[in-house]
Amino acid sequence: MAGKAGGRLRRLVSGFTSVWIILILAILVAAFSVWHGRAFLSADNFLNIAVDASELLLLAVGLTFVIITAGIDLSVGAILVLSSVIAAQTMVALSGTPEQVQNYTYPNQAVGIPAGIVVGLLVGTGCGLVNGLIITKLKLTPFIATLGTLGIFLGTAQILSGGTNVPYVPPAIQSEFGTRQLLGVLPVPIAISAVVVVVAILMLHKTRFGRHTYAIGSNVEAARRVGIDVERHLLKVYTLSGFLAGLAGIIDVARFNTASVGAHTLDNLAAISAAVIGGTSLFGGIGTIVGSVVGTFIPAVLRNGFVIGGVQPFWQQVAIGVVLILAVFIDQRRRSAEERM
C-alpha cells in the first residue's frame, strides 16, 4: 500500500511539473500576443518559431537521453558547427571545379549535396563516439570530457573554415531542404524534427534502450548488478547525441546556405536549458521527450517575441537564464519531495 501511495505521489509531482511547464509556455504566448498583436499571433509567425526551434529541438532530444543517464554534453553546439562546416565544404568541393562554383555554376551538385549530408552526419556521429569513448574508457567525468571536446571540435571548425562562413554552398540544398515545404504547408526542418521526436519517444519509453537509460541514471551500480553493460550503453547515448547534433548542423546549412562558426556559441546552454526546463533532472533518472519539446519552445518563443518587440538580444539570454534557474530550483524541490516519499 505504501509503495502504491508513493508511486501515485511521484506521478502527481511529475504531473505538476509538466503542468507548470505548459503553463509557463501559455503565459509567454499570451503575453506576447497582447504585446504584439497579430505580428506575433499569426500562423506564419508560429511556423517561423517552429522552424527556428527545429535545430535546438534536435540538440535537446539528444541531451535528454544524456542527462537522464546523469551525464552532460557541453559539446553539442561545437559538434553542430564542425558538422556543418565539413558538410558545406564537402558540398562545395564535389559540386564543381573551383572556377565553376565561384561563378555560381554547380554541375555536380546532385552528387555534392548528398555526399555533404552523409559526411556531416558521420562527423557528428564520430564526435559523439569520441565523447563516449573518453567518458567510458578514460573514466573522465562527462562535464570535463565534453568541455574539452567542445574546444577541440570548435577549434577544428575554425581552423578548417578560417574562422569565416563557408561560401559558395550549392543553392539547391536551401531550395530543396531548407526552405521547401512538404505538401505546400510543412517546412522540411519541422518535418525532420517531428520524425526525430516521435522516434525518440518510442526509443525512450517503449524499448529496452530507454529502460536502460533510466536505470543507469537512477542508480548506476544497481544497473550493473542487473546485468546492464553501462559503458556500452553510455557509448550509444553519447553517439546518439552527436548524430543528432550533426543532423542539426545539416539543417543549419540547408536553412542559411552556409556554415557559420560564430552563430552557435550558446547552443549548448540553450539545449541544456530546454531539457531541464522540460523536466529532465540534472541528477539523472527523470525526463521525457515531450517535456523537452515544450522546454525547447520556451526559449524559442522568448527570442521571437523579443525580436518582434525590438528588444536587444542580450536580454534574451537574461530571460532564458532566469527561466533555467527557476526550472532547476523546481527540479531540486521535486527531487526532495520524491526522496521523502
Protein backbone atom coordinates (compact mmCIF):
# COMPACT_ATOMS: atom_id res chain seq x y z
CA MET A 1 0.00 0.00 0.00
CA ALA A 2 2.79 2.39 0.91
CA GLY A 3 4.57 1.62 -2.38
CA LYS A 4 1.42 2.29 -4.38
CA ALA A 5 0.82 5.54 -2.49
CA GLY A 6 4.42 6.59 -3.12
CA GLY A 7 4.03 5.80 -6.83
CA ARG A 8 0.85 7.88 -7.05
CA LEU A 9 2.58 10.76 -5.27
CA ARG A 10 5.56 10.60 -7.65
CA ARG A 11 3.22 10.70 -10.64
CA LEU A 12 1.41 13.64 -9.05
CA VAL A 13 4.67 15.56 -8.59
CA SER A 14 5.73 14.75 -12.16
CA GLY A 15 2.33 15.81 -13.46
CA PHE A 16 2.53 19.07 -11.52
CA THR A 17 5.90 19.80 -13.12
CA SER A 18 4.53 19.14 -16.62
CA VAL A 19 1.55 21.39 -15.95
CA TRP A 20 3.89 24.11 -14.70
CA ILE A 21 5.99 23.94 -17.88
CA ILE A 22 2.95 24.13 -20.15
CA LEU A 23 1.55 26.98 -18.06
CA ILE A 24 4.78 28.98 -18.45
CA LEU A 25 4.66 28.50 -22.23
CA ALA A 26 0.98 29.51 -22.35
CA ILE A 27 1.69 32.65 -20.30
CA LEU A 28 4.52 33.64 -22.65
CA VAL A 29 2.33 33.16 -25.73
CA ALA A 30 -0.48 35.15 -24.13
CA ALA A 31 1.85 37.96 -23.04
CA PHE A 32 3.48 38.36 -26.45
CA SER A 33 0.09 38.15 -28.15
CA VAL A 34 -1.15 41.07 -26.06
CA TRP A 35 2.10 42.97 -26.59
CA HIS A 36 2.48 42.45 -30.36
CA GLY A 37 -1.00 41.52 -31.53
CA ARG A 38 -1.18 39.95 -34.98
CA ALA A 39 2.56 40.40 -35.55
CA PHE A 40 3.05 37.58 -33.05
CA LEU A 41 -0.32 35.83 -33.01
CA SER A 42 -0.37 34.52 -36.58
CA ALA A 43 0.03 31.13 -38.23
CA ASP A 44 3.05 32.32 -40.22
CA ASN A 45 4.84 33.52 -37.08
CA PHE A 46 4.15 30.30 -35.20
CA LEU A 47 5.54 28.44 -38.21
CA ASN A 48 8.66 30.62 -38.04
CA ILE A 49 9.02 29.80 -34.34
CA ALA A 50 8.80 26.08 -35.10
CA VAL A 51 11.42 26.33 -37.86
CA ASP A 52 13.75 28.32 -35.60
CA ALA A 53 13.26 25.72 -32.85
CA SER A 54 13.91 22.73 -35.12
CA GLU A 55 17.70 22.72 -34.69
CA LEU A 56 17.58 23.34 -30.95
CA LEU A 57 14.98 20.60 -30.61
CA LEU A 58 17.35 18.03 -32.13
CA LEU A 59 20.07 19.04 -29.68
CA ALA A 60 17.62 18.93 -26.76
CA VAL A 61 16.38 15.44 -27.69
CA GLY A 62 19.93 14.09 -27.70
CA LEU A 63 20.72 15.82 -24.43
CA THR A 64 17.56 14.40 -22.85
CA PHE A 65 18.98 10.89 -23.22
CA VAL A 66 22.37 12.05 -21.95
CA ILE A 67 21.05 13.93 -18.92
CA ILE A 68 18.70 11.09 -17.93
CA THR A 69 21.84 8.96 -17.52
CA ALA A 70 23.11 11.68 -15.10
CA GLY A 71 25.58 12.87 -17.72
CA ILE A 72 26.05 16.11 -19.64
CA ASP A 73 27.27 17.07 -23.11
CA LEU A 74 28.66 20.58 -23.38
CA SER A 75 29.99 19.99 -26.89
CA VAL A 76 26.74 19.69 -28.86
CA GLY A 77 26.94 23.24 -30.23
CA ALA A 78 30.55 22.68 -31.32
CA ILE A 79 29.58 19.38 -32.97
CA LEU A 80 26.84 21.22 -34.85
CA VAL A 81 29.36 23.80 -36.09
CA LEU A 82 32.02 21.24 -37.08
CA SER A 83 29.47 19.03 -38.86
CA SER A 84 28.02 21.97 -40.78
CA VAL A 85 31.47 23.28 -41.82
CA ILE A 86 32.70 19.92 -43.10
CA ALA A 87 29.35 19.17 -44.77
CA ALA A 88 29.31 22.56 -46.51
CA GLN A 89 32.93 22.25 -47.63
CA THR A 90 32.25 18.76 -48.98
CA MET A 91 29.26 20.03 -50.96
CA VAL A 92 31.34 22.86 -52.43
CA ALA A 93 34.29 20.60 -53.27
CA LEU A 94 32.20 17.95 -55.05
CA SER A 95 29.72 20.20 -56.85
CA GLY A 96 32.14 21.50 -59.49
CA THR A 97 35.59 22.94 -60.10
CA PRO A 98 36.65 25.97 -58.02
CA GLU A 99 36.11 28.21 -61.03
CA GLN A 100 32.62 26.84 -61.62
CA VAL A 101 31.40 27.25 -58.05
CA GLN A 102 32.87 30.76 -57.80
CA ASN A 103 30.77 31.59 -60.85
CA TYR A 104 27.78 30.03 -59.11
CA THR A 105 27.68 27.10 -61.50
CA TYR A 106 27.24 23.69 -59.89
CA PRO A 107 27.23 20.89 -62.50
CA ASN A 108 27.75 18.15 -59.91
CA GLN A 109 25.59 19.37 -57.02
CA ALA A 110 23.39 16.27 -57.35
CA VAL A 111 26.46 14.37 -56.11
CA GLY A 112 27.96 17.04 -53.86
CA ILE A 113 24.86 17.71 -51.75
CA PRO A 114 24.07 14.07 -50.77
CA ALA A 115 27.77 13.45 -50.12
CA GLY A 116 27.95 16.51 -47.89
CA ILE A 117 24.89 15.40 -45.94
CA VAL A 118 26.34 11.93 -45.36
CA VAL A 119 29.75 13.32 -44.35
CA GLY A 120 28.15 15.82 -41.96
CA LEU A 121 26.15 13.08 -40.25
CA LEU A 122 29.24 10.88 -39.99
CA VAL A 123 31.22 13.74 -38.44
CA GLY A 124 28.50 14.34 -35.84
CA THR A 125 28.26 10.64 -35.06
CA GLY A 126 32.05 10.36 -34.81
CA CYS A 127 32.26 13.31 -32.43
CA GLY A 128 29.61 11.73 -30.21
CA LEU A 129 31.53 8.46 -30.28
CA VAL A 130 34.71 10.29 -29.22
CA ASN A 131 32.84 11.81 -26.27
CA GLY A 132 31.55 8.40 -25.27
CA LEU A 133 34.99 6.77 -25.51
CA ILE A 134 36.64 9.47 -23.41
CA ILE A 135 33.96 9.10 -20.74
CA THR A 136 33.82 5.29 -20.68
CA LYS A 137 37.44 4.35 -21.42
CA LEU A 138 39.38 7.21 -19.86
CA LYS A 139 36.89 7.44 -16.98
CA LEU A 140 36.64 11.23 -17.15
CA THR A 141 33.53 12.93 -15.84
CA PRO A 142 31.15 13.95 -18.64
CA PHE A 143 31.47 17.63 -17.69
CA ILE A 144 35.26 17.69 -18.09
CA ALA A 145 35.30 15.36 -21.11
CA THR A 146 32.78 17.34 -23.14
CA LEU A 147 34.19 20.68 -22.02
CA GLY A 148 37.50 19.57 -23.51
CA THR A 149 35.98 18.27 -26.74
CA LEU A 150 33.95 21.48 -27.06
CA GLY A 151 37.23 23.33 -27.54
CA ILE A 152 38.65 20.64 -29.82
CA PHE A 153 35.63 20.46 -32.13
CA LEU A 154 35.04 24.21 -32.28
CA GLY A 155 38.74 24.93 -32.79
CA THR A 156 38.89 22.37 -35.61
CA ALA A 157 35.89 24.00 -37.30
CA GLN A 158 37.57 27.41 -37.06
CA ILE A 159 40.83 26.04 -38.49
CA LEU A 160 39.04 24.39 -41.43
CA SER A 161 36.93 27.46 -42.22
CA GLY A 162 39.50 30.11 -41.39
CA GLY A 163 37.06 31.50 -38.83
CA THR A 164 34.61 32.66 -41.52
CA ASN A 165 31.37 31.39 -43.02
CA VAL A 166 31.74 28.76 -45.74
CA PRO A 167 30.94 30.40 -49.12
CA TYR A 168 29.61 29.02 -52.42
CA VAL A 169 27.40 26.32 -50.91
CA PRO A 170 25.16 24.92 -53.69
CA PRO A 171 21.80 26.73 -53.56
CA ALA A 172 19.82 23.52 -54.12
CA ILE A 173 20.44 22.48 -50.51
CA GLN A 174 18.43 25.51 -49.44
CA SER A 175 15.69 25.34 -52.07
CA GLU A 176 15.17 21.58 -51.77
CA PHE A 177 15.60 21.18 -48.00
CA GLY A 178 16.00 24.42 -46.07
CA THR A 179 13.02 26.38 -47.39
CA ARG A 180 10.99 23.69 -49.10
CA GLN A 181 7.52 22.93 -47.73
CA LEU A 182 6.08 19.43 -47.88
CA LEU A 183 2.56 19.45 -49.36
CA GLY A 184 2.94 23.21 -49.52
CA VAL A 185 2.48 23.71 -45.77
CA LEU A 186 5.11 21.87 -43.70
CA PRO A 187 8.75 23.06 -43.86
CA VAL A 188 11.26 20.23 -44.17
CA PRO A 189 13.20 21.19 -40.98
CA ILE A 190 9.99 20.86 -38.94
CA ALA A 191 9.15 17.52 -40.58
CA ILE A 192 12.62 16.14 -39.80
CA SER A 193 12.43 17.29 -36.19
CA ALA A 194 8.94 15.83 -35.80
CA VAL A 195 10.10 12.43 -37.06
CA VAL A 196 13.07 12.50 -34.67
CA VAL A 197 10.78 13.39 -31.75
CA VAL A 198 8.40 10.50 -32.50
CA VAL A 199 11.26 8.01 -32.85
CA ALA A 200 12.89 9.32 -29.65
CA ILE A 201 9.65 8.97 -27.69
CA LEU A 202 9.33 5.34 -28.81
CA MET A 203 13.00 4.66 -28.01
CA LEU A 204 12.85 6.19 -24.55
CA HIS A 205 9.50 4.83 -23.39
CA LYS A 206 8.91 1.64 -25.37
CA THR A 207 12.28 -0.07 -25.78
CA ARG A 208 14.99 -1.73 -23.73
CA PHE A 209 17.31 1.13 -24.72
CA GLY A 210 15.05 3.58 -22.92
CA ARG A 211 14.66 1.38 -19.85
CA HIS A 212 18.42 1.02 -19.56
CA THR A 213 18.82 4.78 -19.93
CA TYR A 214 16.50 5.43 -16.98
CA ALA A 215 18.08 2.62 -14.95
CA ILE A 216 21.61 3.99 -15.32
CA GLY A 217 20.51 7.48 -14.35
CA SER A 218 18.55 6.25 -11.35
CA ASN A 219 21.29 4.04 -9.88
CA VAL A 220 24.31 3.10 -11.95
CA GLU A 221 25.53 0.39 -9.56
CA ALA A 222 22.11 -1.24 -9.42
CA ALA A 223 22.04 -1.15 -13.23
CA ARG A 224 25.34 -3.02 -13.33
CA ARG A 225 24.09 -5.61 -10.84
CA VAL A 226 21.10 -6.47 -13.01
CA GLY A 227 23.37 -7.07 -16.00
CA ILE A 228 23.29 -3.79 -17.92
CA ASP A 229 26.54 -3.02 -19.75
CA VAL A 230 26.74 0.58 -18.52
CA GLU A 231 29.83 1.63 -20.50
CA ARG A 232 28.46 0.25 -23.76
CA HIS A 233 25.12 1.93 -23.21
CA LEU A 234 26.70 5.30 -22.40
CA LEU A 235 28.74 4.98 -25.58
CA LYS A 236 25.49 4.59 -27.53
CA VAL A 237 23.84 7.51 -25.76
CA TYR A 238 26.66 9.97 -26.46
CA THR A 239 26.95 8.72 -30.04
CA LEU A 240 23.21 9.36 -30.48
CA SER A 241 23.63 12.87 -29.12
CA GLY A 242 26.45 13.50 -31.59
CA PHE A 243 24.42 12.16 -34.51
CA LEU A 244 21.51 14.49 -33.70
CA ALA A 245 23.90 17.44 -33.38
CA GLY A 246 25.28 16.53 -36.80
CA LEU A 247 21.75 16.41 -38.20
CA ALA A 248 21.11 19.86 -36.70
CA GLY A 249 24.26 21.04 -38.50
CA ILE A 250 22.90 19.80 -41.83
CA ILE A 251 19.61 21.61 -41.21
CA ASP A 252 21.57 24.77 -40.40
CA VAL A 253 23.43 24.60 -43.73
CA ALA A 254 20.16 23.94 -45.55
CA ARG A 255 18.38 26.88 -43.95
CA PHE A 256 21.09 29.50 -44.41
CA ASN A 257 23.01 28.12 -47.39
CA THR A 258 26.28 28.49 -45.48
CA ALA A 259 28.06 27.19 -42.39
CA SER A 260 28.67 29.74 -39.65
CA VAL A 261 31.28 29.21 -36.96
CA GLY A 262 30.07 32.08 -34.78
CA ALA A 263 26.31 31.65 -34.64
CA HIS A 264 26.06 28.70 -32.25
CA THR A 265 28.31 29.53 -29.30
CA LEU A 266 25.43 29.32 -26.82
CA ASP A 267 23.53 26.41 -28.37
CA ASN A 268 24.79 24.02 -25.70
CA LEU A 269 23.39 26.25 -22.94
CA ALA A 270 20.11 26.67 -24.82
CA ALA A 271 19.71 22.93 -25.40
CA ILE A 272 20.55 22.02 -21.80
CA SER A 273 18.12 24.71 -20.66
CA ALA A 274 15.40 23.28 -22.90
CA ALA A 275 15.82 19.77 -21.50
CA VAL A 276 15.98 20.92 -17.87
CA ILE A 277 13.09 23.36 -18.26
CA GLY A 278 11.18 20.43 -19.76
CA GLY A 279 11.59 18.44 -16.55
CA THR A 280 14.72 16.38 -17.23
CA SER A 281 16.56 16.10 -13.92
CA LEU A 282 20.24 17.00 -13.81
CA PHE A 283 20.53 14.30 -11.12
CA GLY A 284 19.52 11.64 -13.67
CA GLY A 285 16.74 9.09 -13.91
CA ILE A 286 13.94 11.55 -14.75
CA GLY A 287 12.93 13.11 -18.05
CA THR A 288 10.67 12.88 -21.08
CA ILE A 289 10.99 13.83 -24.72
CA VAL A 290 7.63 15.60 -24.65
CA GLY A 291 8.82 17.75 -21.76
CA SER A 292 11.96 18.66 -23.69
CA VAL A 293 9.85 19.62 -26.71
CA VAL A 294 7.85 22.04 -24.56
CA GLY A 295 11.07 23.24 -22.94
CA THR A 296 12.54 23.94 -26.37
CA PHE A 297 9.67 26.22 -27.34
CA ILE A 298 10.01 28.38 -24.22
CA PRO A 299 13.35 29.97 -25.29
CA ALA A 300 12.18 29.93 -28.93
CA VAL A 301 9.04 31.92 -28.05
CA LEU A 302 11.08 34.26 -25.86
CA ARG A 303 13.52 35.01 -28.68
CA ASN A 304 10.77 35.50 -31.25
CA GLY A 305 8.74 37.80 -29.01
CA PHE A 306 11.80 39.88 -28.12
CA VAL A 307 12.89 40.19 -31.76
CA ILE A 308 9.43 41.40 -32.81
CA GLY A 309 9.48 43.88 -29.92
CA GLY A 310 12.92 45.16 -30.88
CA VAL A 311 14.44 44.11 -27.55
CA GLN A 312 18.23 43.82 -27.54
CA PRO A 313 19.47 40.22 -27.93
CA PHE A 314 21.33 40.45 -24.60
CA TRP A 315 18.02 40.49 -22.74
CA GLN A 316 17.05 37.23 -24.43
CA GLN A 317 19.88 35.44 -22.65
CA VAL A 318 18.93 37.10 -19.36
CA ALA A 319 15.35 35.85 -19.68
CA ILE A 320 16.43 32.32 -20.64
CA GLY A 321 18.86 32.26 -17.71
CA VAL A 322 16.11 33.28 -15.27
CA VAL A 323 13.81 30.53 -16.59
CA LEU A 324 16.64 27.98 -16.34
CA ILE A 325 17.40 28.87 -12.71
CA LEU A 326 13.71 28.62 -11.89
CA ALA A 327 13.48 25.23 -13.61
CA VAL A 328 16.48 23.83 -11.72
CA PHE A 329 15.05 25.15 -8.45
CA ILE A 330 11.77 23.34 -9.11
CA ASP A 331 13.73 20.22 -10.13
CA GLN A 332 15.54 20.24 -6.80
CA ARG A 333 12.30 20.70 -4.89
CA ARG A 334 10.74 17.87 -6.85
CA ARG A 335 13.66 15.57 -6.09
CA SER A 336 13.48 16.41 -2.40
CA ALA A 337 9.76 15.65 -2.41
CA GLU A 338 10.37 12.29 -4.09
CA GLU A 339 13.08 11.36 -1.60
CA ARG A 340 10.61 11.97 1.25
CA MET A 341 8.05 9.58 -0.28
